[in-house]
Amino acid sequence: MKKINVIEITSIFITAIFVISFSMVDQLSQVFAHSFTSDDSSYFLGLDKRTKVELELAEKNYPLNITLSMDHSDNAARLVYDIYYADDDIVEDNDFIKRYNKEISSSNSTTYALVVADLLDEVLRGYADALVIDTDLTNMSNLVLLDELKNLTKQPELTSTSSNSSDNEGSVSEHSKLISTNNSIFNYADYETAKALLVEIKNIFENHLKSSSNNATSQSKIPISKLGKDLEKLINIIHHNNGSPAEVMELVHLQIHPSLQKGFGLQTKMNMNGQMNMNGQMNMNGQMNMNDDKN
């Protein structure tokens, strides 16, 4: 009879824990998912920014890289369709122009902060697609297992002995990608989009958010200043691809999002058979409230 050593037993035990843990996270993803309440204006402006980015990238790559140009053209076409039909009252081009001019002229810093939040989600999705990572980087519940993943990879004897099955190999590969700083870019169109959206986010911060700190309270000035610094960190990591997806997730969810909340009074929501608003209370009948100041 073949002997099973301690390392093999430990490996099996850890693998079982991760299978169960990830299963639980999948089921609870909607409970802990982090998103801001948005409005029609921020949705419209977000689509506008994304459309312009894709159109610019399509033109930039033409004719030197026709494949990338077509990828961005396809994305732009889909977004043009989405933004045109975002408002039921838009039935012709003149209606769209009126709506466009209205949003550009009337939007305030809170609206643009929501646009930044929306664009950040697109950056995370694009970066994950570029690296071919299956984990949803926009879902902050996936942060729960990052420490366990880091600890697991520090034990090479455990990961090596658990690599007999193809399923385990796939899981280890996905886990390794999340904490690796040496991931390769596979989908360059998605990577270009993520980087270009970050440039757009920086422009929004400089032109619409940074200046609002002049009239902000002392309590709001600090997170607005911090927001600018953390956005620079995010730009550096993704533009140079010199950080891990886990680091990107932590920076967005644990640093940038709270700064947006505190600096511009954004409200957050979560859904679990009802709506959860971060206000400081909890209702087990389907509503959960959490105080922004505790984040």
C-alpha atoms as a PDB file:
ATOM      1  CA  MET A   1       0.000   0.000   0.000  1.00  0.00           C
ATOM      2  CA  LYS A   2       1.315   3.452  -0.940  1.00  0.00           C
ATOM      3  CA  LYS A   3       2.210   5.676   1.993  1.00  0.00           C
ATOM      4  CA  ILE A   4       0.761   9.154   2.145  1.00  0.00           C
ATOM      5  CA  ASN A   5       3.203  11.562   3.723  1.00  0.00           C
ATOM      6  CA  VAL A   6       2.381  14.625   5.806  1.00  0.00           C
ATOM      7  CA  ILE A   7       2.998  17.040   2.939  1.00  0.00           C
ATOM      8  CA  GLU A   8       0.506  15.232   0.693  1.00  0.00           C
ATOM      9  CA  ILE A   9      -2.130  15.216   3.437  1.00  0.00           C
ATOM     10  CA  THR A  10      -1.577  18.918   4.112  1.00  0.00           C
ATOM     11  CA  SER A  11      -1.748  19.649   0.390  1.00  0.00           C
ATOM     12  CA  ILE A  12      -5.059  17.816   0.028  1.00  0.00           C
ATOM     13  CA  PHE A  13      -6.443  19.620   3.065  1.00  0.00           C
ATOM     14  CA  ILE A  14      -5.429  23.070   1.777  1.00  0.00           C
ATOM     15  CA  THR A  15      -6.808  22.318  -1.681  1.00  0.00           C
ATOM     16  CA  ALA A  16     -10.127  21.303  -0.140  1.00  0.00           C
ATOM     17  CA  ILE A  17     -10.239  24.505   1.869  1.00  0.00           C
ATOM     18  CA  PHE A  18      -9.681  26.609  -1.252  1.00  0.00           C
ATOM     19  CA  VAL A  19     -12.339  24.764  -3.256  1.00  0.00           C
ATOM     20  CA  ILE A  20     -14.868  25.315  -0.462  1.00  0.00           C
ATOM     21  CA  SER A  21     -13.771  28.911   0.125  1.00  0.00           C
ATOM     22  CA  PHE A  22     -14.012  29.954  -3.510  1.00  0.00           C
ATOM     23  CA  SER A  23     -17.386  28.242  -3.798  1.00  0.00           C
ATOM     24  CA  MET A  24     -18.619  30.269  -0.829  1.00  0.00           C
ATOM     25  CA  VAL A  25     -17.198  33.489  -2.275  1.00  0.00           C
ATOM     26  CA  ASP A  26     -18.989  32.859  -5.570  1.00  0.00           C
ATOM     27  CA  GLN A  27     -22.274  32.446  -3.702  1.00  0.00           C
ATOM     28  CA  LEU A  28     -21.677  35.544  -1.591  1.00  0.00           C
ATOM     29  CA  SER A  29     -20.287  37.747  -4.365  1.00  0.00           C
ATOM     30  CA  GLN A  30     -23.468  39.775  -4.572  1.00  0.00           C
ATOM     31  CA  VAL A  31     -23.449  40.257  -0.805  1.00  0.00           C
ATOM     32  CA  PHE A  32     -20.036  41.874  -0.644  1.00  0.00           C
ATOM     33  CA  ALA A  33     -19.830  43.378  -4.138  1.00  0.00           C
ATOM     34  CA  HIS A  34     -18.886  47.052  -3.924  1.00  0.00           C
ATOM     35  CA  SER A  35     -20.636  49.518  -6.205  1.00  0.00           C
ATOM     36  CA  PHE A  36     -21.740  53.129  -6.091  1.00  0.00           C
ATOM     37  CA  THR A  37     -25.249  54.348  -6.719  1.00  0.00           C
ATOM     38  CA  SER A  38     -25.222  56.062 -10.090  1.00  0.00           C
ATOM     39  CA  ASP A  39     -27.606  58.244 -12.045  1.00  0.00           C
ATOM     40  CA  ASP A  40     -28.548  58.849 -15.667  1.00  0.00           C
ATOM     41  CA  SER A  41     -26.027  61.665 -16.033  1.00  0.00           C
ATOM     42  CA  SER A  42     -23.012  59.683 -14.821  1.00  0.00           C
ATOM     43  CA  TYR A  43     -24.075  56.685 -16.916  1.00  0.00           C
ATOM     44  CA  PHE A  44     -24.369  58.861 -20.028  1.00  0.00           C
ATOM     45  CA  LEU A  45     -21.041  60.619 -19.456  1.00  0.00           C
ATOM     46  CA  GLY A  46     -19.310  57.333 -18.704  1.00  0.00           C
ATOM     47  CA  LEU A  47     -20.474  55.884 -22.006  1.00  0.00           C
ATOM     48  CA  ASP A  48     -19.365  59.088 -23.746  1.00  0.00           C
ATOM     49  CA  LYS A  49     -15.834  58.833 -22.311  1.00  0.00           C
ATOM     50  CA  ARG A  50     -15.535  55.150 -23.201  1.00  0.00           C
ATOM     51  CA  THR A  51     -16.811  55.761 -26.746  1.00  0.00           C
ATOM     52  CA  LYS A  52     -14.291  58.528 -27.387  1.00  0.00           C
ATOM     53  CA  VAL A  53     -11.453  56.388 -26.010  1.00  0.00           C
ATOM     54  CA  GLU A  54     -12.273  53.503 -28.344  1.00  0.00           C
ATOM     55  CA  LEU A  55     -12.631  55.803 -31.357  1.00  0.00           C
ATOM     56  CA  GLU A  56      -9.258  57.413 -30.621  1.00  0.00           C
ATOM     57  CA  LEU A  57      -7.585  54.015 -30.244  1.00  0.00           C
ATOM     58  CA  ALA A  58      -9.119  52.797 -33.498  1.00  0.00           C
ATOM     59  CA  GLU A  59      -7.698  55.836 -35.296  1.00  0.00           C
ATOM     60  CA  LYS A  60      -4.334  55.553 -33.527  1.00  0.00           C
ATOM     61  CA  ASN A  61      -3.818  51.963 -34.684  1.00  0.00           C
ATOM     62  CA  TYR A  62      -4.949  52.559 -38.275  1.00  0.00           C
ATOM     63  CA  PRO A  63      -3.321  51.566 -40.593  1.00  0.00           C
ATOM     64  CA  LEU A  64      -0.263  50.252 -38.689  1.00  0.00           C
ATOM     65  CA  ASN A  65      -2.200  47.564 -36.814  1.00  0.00           C
ATOM     66  CA  ILE A  66      -5.464  46.926 -38.587  1.00  0.00           C
ATOM     67  CA  THR A  67      -6.444  44.100 -36.219  1.00  0.00           C
ATOM     68  CA  LEU A  68      -6.278  46.339 -33.151  1.00  0.00           C
ATOM     69  CA  SER A  69      -8.006  49.098 -35.081  1.00  0.00           C
ATOM     70  CA  MET A  70     -10.908  46.770 -35.902  1.00  0.00           C
ATOM     71  CA  ASP A  71     -11.144  45.589 -32.277  1.00  0.00           C
ATOM     72  CA  HIS A  72     -11.445  49.149 -31.032  1.00  0.00           C
ATOM     73  CA  SER A  73     -13.827  50.057 -33.875  1.00  0.00           C
ATOM     74  CA  ASP A  74     -16.116  47.197 -32.869  1.00  0.00           C
ATOM     75  CA  ASN A  75     -16.046  48.370 -29.260  1.00  0.00           C
ATOM     76  CA  ALA A  76     -16.771  51.939 -30.328  1.00  0.00           C
ATOM     77  CA  ALA A  77     -19.708  50.857 -32.494  1.00  0.00           C
ATOM     78  CA  ARG A  78     -21.271  48.957 -29.593  1.00  0.00           C
ATOM     79  CA  LEU A  79     -20.799  51.913 -27.251  1.00  0.00           C
ATOM     80  CA  VAL A  80     -22.235  54.384 -29.767  1.00  0.00           C
ATOM     81  CA  TYR A  81     -25.326  52.192 -29.946  1.00  0.00           C
ATOM     82  CA  ASP A  82     -25.533  52.028 -26.138  1.00  0.00           C
ATOM     83  CA  ILE A  83     -25.197  55.762 -25.596  1.00  0.00           C
ATOM     84  CA  TYR A  84     -27.633  56.658 -28.369  1.00  0.00           C
ATOM     85  CA  TYR A  85     -30.319  54.456 -26.847  1.00  0.00           C
ATOM     86  CA  ALA A  86     -29.456  55.279 -23.225  1.00  0.00           C
ATOM     87  CA  ASP A  87     -32.345  57.743 -23.144  1.00  0.00           C
ATOM     88  CA  ASP A  88     -35.817  56.714 -24.311  1.00  0.00           C
ATOM     89  CA  ASP A  89     -36.533  60.339 -25.243  1.00  0.00           C
ATOM     90  CA  ILE A  90     -33.800  60.310 -27.890  1.00  0.00           C
ATOM     91  CA  VAL A  91     -35.412  59.489 -31.238  1.00  0.00           C
ATOM     92  CA  GLU A  92     -33.202  61.482 -33.610  1.00  0.00           C
ATOM     93  CA  ASP A  93     -29.788  63.109 -33.790  1.00  0.00           C
ATOM     94  CA  ASN A  94     -31.007  66.515 -32.584  1.00  0.00           C
ATOM     95  CA  ASP A  95     -32.366  64.908 -29.426  1.00  0.00           C
ATOM     96  CA  PHE A  96     -29.010  63.318 -28.792  1.00  0.00           C
ATOM     97  CA  ILE A  97     -27.149  66.603 -29.290  1.00  0.00           C
ATOM     98  CA  LYS A  98     -29.452  68.338 -26.805  1.00  0.00           C
ATOM     99  CA  ARG A  99     -28.917  65.602 -24.221  1.00  0.00           C
ATOM    100  CA  TYR A 100     -25.169  65.639 -24.815  1.00  0.00           C
ATOM    101  CA  ASN A 101     -24.867  69.413 -24.418  1.00  0.00           C
ATOM    102  CA  LYS A 102     -27.053  69.333 -21.313  1.00  0.00           C
ATOM    103  CA  GLU A 103     -24.891  66.748 -19.557  1.00  0.00           C
ATOM    104  CA  ILE A 104     -21.610  68.417 -20.491  1.00  0.00           C
ATOM    105  CA  SER A 105     -22.758  71.825 -19.254  1.00  0.00           C
ATOM    106  CA  SER A 106     -24.652  70.838 -16.100  1.00  0.00           C
ATOM    107  CA  SER A 107     -22.636  68.007 -14.537  1.00  0.00           C
ATOM    108  CA  ASN A 108     -20.910  68.694 -11.220  1.00  0.00           C
ATOM    109  CA  SER A 109     -18.029  67.141  -9.293  1.00  0.00           C
ATOM    110  CA  THR A 110     -20.255  64.466  -7.752  1.00  0.00           C
ATOM    111  CA  THR A 111     -21.382  63.352 -11.197  1.00  0.00           C
ATOM    112  CA  TYR A 112     -17.803  63.187 -12.440  1.00  0.00           C
ATOM    113  CA  ALA A 113     -16.754  61.245  -9.328  1.00  0.00           C
ATOM    114  CA  LEU A 114     -19.381  58.651 -10.272  1.00  0.00           C
ATOM    115  CA  VAL A 115     -18.015  58.626 -13.823  1.00  0.00           C
ATOM    116  CA  VAL A 116     -14.544  57.915 -12.415  1.00  0.00           C
ATOM    117  CA  ALA A 117     -15.971  55.011 -10.404  1.00  0.00           C
ATOM    118  CA  ASP A 118     -17.629  53.578 -13.515  1.00  0.00           C
ATOM    119  CA  LEU A 119     -14.478  53.951 -15.592  1.00  0.00           C
ATOM    120  CA  LEU A 120     -12.394  52.314 -12.862  1.00  0.00           C
ATOM    121  CA  ASP A 121     -14.594  49.226 -13.139  1.00  0.00           C
ATOM    122  CA  GLU A 122     -13.922  49.161 -16.885  1.00  0.00           C
ATOM    123  CA  VAL A 123     -10.191  49.494 -16.227  1.00  0.00           C
ATOM    124  CA  LEU A 124     -10.286  46.499 -13.886  1.00  0.00           C
ATOM    125  CA  ARG A 125     -12.272  44.423 -16.391  1.00  0.00           C
ATOM    126  CA  GLY A 126      -9.991  45.391 -19.257  1.00  0.00           C
ATOM    127  CA  TYR A 127      -6.832  44.674 -17.277  1.00  0.00           C
ATOM    128  CA  ALA A 128      -8.142  41.249 -16.233  1.00  0.00           C
ATOM    129  CA  ASP A 129      -9.083  40.439 -19.832  1.00  0.00           C
ATOM    130  CA  ALA A 130      -5.665  41.589 -21.022  1.00  0.00           C
ATOM    131  CA  LEU A 131      -3.960  39.189 -18.608  1.00  0.00           C
ATOM    132  CA  VAL A 132      -6.597  36.446 -19.142  1.00  0.00           C
ATOM    133  CA  ILE A 133      -7.604  36.364 -15.493  1.00  0.00           C
ATOM    134  CA  ASP A 134     -10.951  34.789 -14.678  1.00  0.00           C
ATOM    135  CA  THR A 135     -11.318  36.415 -11.255  1.00  0.00           C
ATOM    136  CA  ASP A 136     -13.657  39.411 -11.232  1.00  0.00           C
ATOM    137  CA  LEU A 137     -11.392  42.260 -10.132  1.00  0.00           C
ATOM    138  CA  THR A 138     -14.390  44.574  -9.717  1.00  0.00           C
ATOM    139  CA  ASN A 139     -15.803  42.370  -6.954  1.00  0.00           C
ATOM    140  CA  MET A 140     -14.206  43.318  -3.666  1.00  0.00           C
ATOM    141  CA  SER A 141     -15.324  40.045  -2.069  1.00  0.00           C
ATOM    142  CA  ASN A 142     -12.448  38.445  -3.965  1.00  0.00           C
ATOM    143  CA  LEU A 143     -10.072  40.338  -1.686  1.00  0.00           C
ATOM    144  CA  VAL A 144     -10.999  37.984   1.138  1.00  0.00           C
ATOM    145  CA  LEU A 145      -8.739  35.172  -0.068  1.00  0.00           C
ATOM    146  CA  LEU A 146      -5.721  37.200  -1.164  1.00  0.00           C
ATOM    147  CA  ASP A 147      -3.791  36.669   2.066  1.00  0.00           C
ATOM    148  CA  GLU A 148      -4.440  32.931   1.901  1.00  0.00           C
ATOM    149  CA  LEU A 149      -3.263  32.869  -1.703  1.00  0.00           C
ATOM    150  CA  LYS A 150      -0.068  34.704  -0.789  1.00  0.00           C
ATOM    151  CA  ASN A 151       0.611  32.279   2.043  1.00  0.00           C
ATOM    152  CA  LEU A 152      -0.042  29.266  -0.182  1.00  0.00           C
ATOM    153  CA  THR A 153       2.443  30.358  -2.834  1.00  0.00           C
ATOM    154  CA  LYS A 154       5.115  30.741  -0.141  1.00  0.00           C
ATOM    155  CA  GLN A 155       4.955  26.950   0.304  1.00  0.00           C
ATOM    156  CA  PRO A 156       6.213  25.534  -3.016  1.00  0.00           C
ATOM    157  CA  GLU A 157       6.254  21.965  -1.715  1.00  0.00           C
ATOM    158  CA  LEU A 158       2.500  22.183  -1.180  1.00  0.00           C
ATOM    159  CA  THR A 159       1.670  23.639  -4.559  1.00  0.00           C
ATOM    160  CA  SER A 160       3.919  21.150  -6.341  1.00  0.00           C
ATOM    161  CA  THR A 161       2.397  18.081  -4.696  1.00  0.00           C
ATOM    162  CA  SER A 162      -1.111  19.301  -5.407  1.00  0.00           C
ATOM    163  CA  SER A 163      -0.476  19.686  -9.130  1.00  0.00           C
ATOM    164  CA  ASN A 164      -1.406  16.161 -10.144  1.00  0.00           C
ATOM    165  CA  SER A 165      -4.913  16.991 -11.331  1.00  0.00           C
ATOM    166  CA  SER A 166      -5.607  19.353 -14.216  1.00  0.00           C
ATOM    167  CA  ASP A 167      -8.244  21.160 -12.131  1.00  0.00           C
ATOM    168  CA  ASN A 168      -5.699  21.903  -9.419  1.00  0.00           C
ATOM    169  CA  GLU A 169      -3.195  23.098 -12.009  1.00  0.00           C
ATOM    170  CA  GLY A 170      -5.766  25.529 -13.353  1.00  0.00           C
ATOM    171  CA  SER A 171      -6.595  26.798  -9.863  1.00  0.00           C
ATOM    172  CA  VAL A 172      -2.948  27.252  -8.909  1.00  0.00           C
ATOM    173  CA  SER A 173      -2.322  29.067 -12.189  1.00  0.00           C
ATOM    174  CA  GLU A 174      -5.213  31.449 -11.569  1.00  0.00           C
ATOM    175  CA  HIS A 175      -4.108  32.035  -7.982  1.00  0.00           C
ATOM    176  CA  SER A 176      -0.533  32.650  -9.090  1.00  0.00           C
ATOM    177  CA  LYS A 177      -1.645  35.212 -11.657  1.00  0.00           C
ATOM    178  CA  LEU A 178      -3.499  37.170  -9.014  1.00  0.00           C
ATOM    179  CA  ILE A 179      -0.392  37.762  -6.921  1.00  0.00           C
ATOM    180  CA  SER A 180       2.257  37.648  -9.645  1.00  0.00           C
ATOM    181  CA  THR A 181       4.035  40.805 -10.799  1.00  0.00           C
ATOM    182  CA  ASN A 182       5.245  39.147 -14.001  1.00  0.00           C
ATOM    183  CA  ASN A 183       2.019  38.467 -15.895  1.00  0.00           C
ATOM    184  CA  SER A 184       2.169  38.625 -19.679  1.00  0.00           C
ATOM    185  CA  ILE A 185      -0.225  40.671 -21.792  1.00  0.00           C
ATOM    186  CA  PHE A 186      -2.279  38.413 -24.055  1.00  0.00           C
ATOM    187  CA  ASN A 187      -5.107  40.666 -25.244  1.00  0.00           C
ATOM    188  CA  TYR A 188      -3.461  43.904 -26.251  1.00  0.00           C
ATOM    189  CA  ALA A 189      -6.659  45.690 -27.320  1.00  0.00           C
ATOM    190  CA  ASP A 190      -8.052  45.313 -23.790  1.00  0.00           C
ATOM    191  CA  TYR A 191      -4.749  46.501 -22.353  1.00  0.00           C
ATOM    192  CA  GLU A 192      -4.766  49.583 -24.583  1.00  0.00           C
ATOM    193  CA  THR A 193      -8.313  50.373 -23.504  1.00  0.00           C
ATOM    194  CA  ALA A 194      -7.473  50.020 -19.808  1.00  0.00           C
ATOM    195  CA  LYS A 195      -4.474  52.350 -20.146  1.00  0.00           C
ATOM    196  CA  ALA A 196      -6.396  54.913 -22.196  1.00  0.00           C
ATOM    197  CA  LEU A 197      -9.271  54.941 -19.698  1.00  0.00           C
ATOM    198  CA  LEU A 198      -6.768  55.681 -16.933  1.00  0.00           C
ATOM    199  CA  VAL A 199      -5.582  58.713 -18.902  1.00  0.00           C
ATOM    200  CA  GLU A 200      -9.203  59.804 -19.183  1.00  0.00           C
ATOM    201  CA  ILE A 201      -9.712  59.288 -15.448  1.00  0.00           C
ATOM    202  CA  LYS A 202      -6.668  61.428 -14.698  1.00  0.00           C
ATOM    203  CA  ASN A 203      -8.030  64.174 -16.968  1.00  0.00           C
ATOM    204  CA  ILE A 204     -11.370  64.075 -15.175  1.00  0.00           C
ATOM    205  CA  PHE A 205      -9.618  64.352 -11.831  1.00  0.00           C
ATOM    206  CA  GLU A 206      -7.485  67.290 -12.942  1.00  0.00           C
ATOM    207  CA  ASN A 207     -10.309  69.187 -14.681  1.00  0.00           C
ATOM    208  CA  HIS A 208     -13.369  68.392 -12.566  1.00  0.00           C
ATOM    209  CA  LEU A 209     -12.417  66.893  -9.199  1.00  0.00           C
ATOM    210  CA  LYS A 210      -9.121  68.369  -8.035  1.00  0.00           C
ATOM    211  CA  SER A 211     -10.352  71.956  -8.235  1.00  0.00           C
ATOM    212  CA  SER A 212     -13.370  71.121  -6.065  1.00  0.00           C
ATOM    213  CA  SER A 213     -11.026  70.757  -3.089  1.00  0.00           C
ATOM    214  CA  ASN A 214     -10.625  74.552  -3.099  1.00  0.00           C
ATOM    215  CA  ASN A 215     -14.196  74.926  -1.853  1.00  0.00           C
ATOM    216  CA  ALA A 216     -14.328  71.649   0.077  1.00  0.00           C
ATOM    217  CA  THR A 217     -14.331  71.227   3.819  1.00  0.00           C
ATOM    218  CA  SER A 218     -11.115  70.234   5.559  1.00  0.00           C
ATOM    219  CA  GLN A 219     -12.624  66.758   5.994  1.00  0.00           C
ATOM    220  CA  SER A 220     -13.030  66.403   2.223  1.00  0.00           C
ATOM    221  CA  LYS A 221      -9.705  67.941   1.162  1.00  0.00           C
ATOM    222  CA  ILE A 222      -7.619  65.102   2.584  1.00  0.00           C
ATOM    223  CA  PRO A 223      -9.338  62.259   0.677  1.00  0.00           C
ATOM    224  CA  ILE A 224      -9.359  64.322  -2.544  1.00  0.00           C
ATOM    225  CA  SER A 225      -5.602  64.847  -2.261  1.00  0.00           C
ATOM    226  CA  LYS A 226      -5.110  61.164  -1.467  1.00  0.00           C
ATOM    227  CA  LEU A 227      -7.286  60.232  -4.439  1.00  0.00           C
ATOM    228  CA  GLY A 228      -4.926  62.020  -6.814  1.00  0.00           C
ATOM    229  CA  LYS A 229      -1.874  60.241  -5.406  1.00  0.00           C
ATOM    230  CA  ASP A 230      -3.521  56.817  -5.503  1.00  0.00           C
ATOM    231  CA  LEU A 231      -4.685  57.342  -9.090  1.00  0.00           C
ATOM    232  CA  GLU A 232      -1.069  58.060 -10.016  1.00  0.00           C
ATOM    233  CA  LYS A 233      -0.045  54.785  -8.349  1.00  0.00           C
ATOM    234  CA  LEU A 234      -2.694  52.891 -10.297  1.00  0.00           C
ATOM    235  CA  ILE A 235      -1.613  54.478 -13.572  1.00  0.00           C
ATOM    236  CA  ASN A 236       2.000  53.537 -12.901  1.00  0.00           C
ATOM    237  CA  ILE A 237       1.182  49.908 -12.054  1.00  0.00           C
ATOM    238  CA  ILE A 238      -1.015  49.256 -15.086  1.00  0.00           C
ATOM    239  CA  HIS A 239       0.937  51.319 -17.632  1.00  0.00           C
ATOM    240  CA  HIS A 240       4.159  49.516 -16.738  1.00  0.00           C
ATOM    241  CA  ASN A 241       2.476  46.228 -15.789  1.00  0.00           C
ATOM    242  CA  ASN A 242       4.826  46.098 -12.813  1.00  0.00           C
ATOM    243  CA  GLY A 243       2.381  45.123 -10.079  1.00  0.00           C
ATOM    244  CA  SER A 244       0.045  42.246  -9.334  1.00  0.00           C
ATOM    245  CA  PRO A 245      -3.715  42.162 -10.038  1.00  0.00           C
ATOM    246  CA  ALA A 246      -4.129  41.666  -6.282  1.00  0.00           C
ATOM    247  CA  GLU A 247      -2.279  44.936  -5.677  1.00  0.00           C
ATOM    248  CA  VAL A 248      -4.489  46.673  -8.224  1.00  0.00           C
ATOM    249  CA  MET A 249      -7.636  45.338  -6.544  1.00  0.00           C
ATOM    250  CA  GLU A 250      -6.479  46.464  -3.109  1.00  0.00           C
ATOM    251  CA  LEU A 251      -5.558  49.916  -4.385  1.00  0.00           C
ATOM    252  CA  VAL A 252      -8.918  50.474  -6.091  1.00  0.00           C
ATOM    253  CA  HIS A 253     -11.236  48.937  -3.501  1.00  0.00           C
ATOM    254  CA  LEU A 254      -9.429  49.840  -0.294  1.00  0.00           C
ATOM    255  CA  GLN A 255      -7.914  53.225  -1.183  1.00  0.00           C
ATOM    256  CA  ILE A 256      -9.464  54.886  -4.237  1.00  0.00           C
ATOM    257  CA  HIS A 257     -13.109  53.971  -3.632  1.00  0.00           C
ATOM    258  CA  PRO A 258     -13.110  55.219  -0.015  1.00  0.00           C
ATOM    259  CA  SER A 259     -11.507  58.488  -1.158  1.00  0.00           C
ATOM    260  CA  LEU A 260     -14.243  58.940  -3.761  1.00  0.00           C
ATOM    261  CA  GLN A 261     -16.858  58.285  -1.085  1.00  0.00           C
ATOM    262  CA  LYS A 262     -15.471  60.666   1.498  1.00  0.00           C
ATOM    263  CA  GLY A 263     -14.333  63.368  -0.916  1.00  0.00           C
ATOM    264  CA  PHE A 264     -17.542  63.627  -2.919  1.00  0.00           C
ATOM    265  CA  GLY A 265     -20.234  62.103  -0.717  1.00  0.00           C
ATOM    266  CA  LEU A 266     -20.925  59.103  -2.913  1.00  0.00           C
ATOM    267  CA  GLN A 267     -23.364  56.486  -1.697  1.00  0.00           C
ATOM    268  CA  THR A 268     -22.708  52.770  -2.035  1.00  0.00           C
ATOM    269  CA  LYS A 269     -25.115  49.929  -2.533  1.00  0.00           C
ATOM    270  CA  MET A 270     -25.078  46.148  -2.314  1.00  0.00           C
ATOM    271  CA  ASN A 271     -27.794  43.666  -3.098  1.00  0.00           C
ATOM    272  CA  MET A 272     -28.791  40.632  -1.059  1.00  0.00           C
ATOM    273  CA  ASN A 273     -32.543  40.139  -1.448  1.00  0.00           C
ATOM    274  CA  GLY A 274     -32.767  43.880  -1.004  1.00  0.00           C
ATOM    275  CA  GLN A 275     -30.581  46.949  -0.978  1.00  0.00           C
ATOM    276  CA  MET A 276     -27.654  47.621   1.332  1.00  0.00           C
ATOM    277  CA  ASN A 277     -26.607  51.218   1.870  1.00  0.00           C
ATOM    278  CA  MET A 278     -23.482  52.182   3.826  1.00  0.00           C
ATOM    279  CA  ASN A 279     -25.063  54.438   6.449  1.00  0.00           C
ATOM    280  CA  GLY A 280     -24.291  52.686   9.703  1.00  0.00           C
ATOM    281  CA  GLN A 281     -27.120  50.236  10.403  1.00  0.00           C
ATOM    282  CA  MET A 282     -28.045  46.696   9.532  1.00  0.00           C
ATOM    283  CA  ASN A 283     -31.478  45.182   8.887  1.00  0.00           C
ATOM    284  CA  MET A 284     -31.595  41.393   8.619  1.00  0.00           C
ATOM    285  CA  ASN A 285     -34.780  41.565   6.549  1.00  0.00           C
ATOM    286  CA  GLY A 286     -32.705  42.464   3.534  1.00  0.00           C
ATOM    287  CA  GLN A 287     -31.123  45.842   4.200  1.00  0.00           C
ATOM    288  CA  MET A 288     -27.615  46.440   5.479  1.00  0.00           C
ATOM    289  CA  ASN A 289     -26.142  49.826   6.218  1.00  0.00           C
ATOM    290  CA  MET A 290     -22.516  50.659   6.867  1.00  0.00           C
ATOM    291  CA  ASN A 291     -21.020  53.966   7.866  1.00  0.00           C
ATOM    292  CA  ASP A 292     -18.649  55.550   5.319  1.00  0.00           C
ATOM    293  CA  ASP A 293     -16.470  56.826   8.166  1.00  0.00           C
ATOM    294  CA  LYS A 294     -15.719  53.269   9.229  1.00  0.00           C
ATOM    295  CA  ASN A 295     -14.209  52.344   5.881  1.00  0.00           C
END
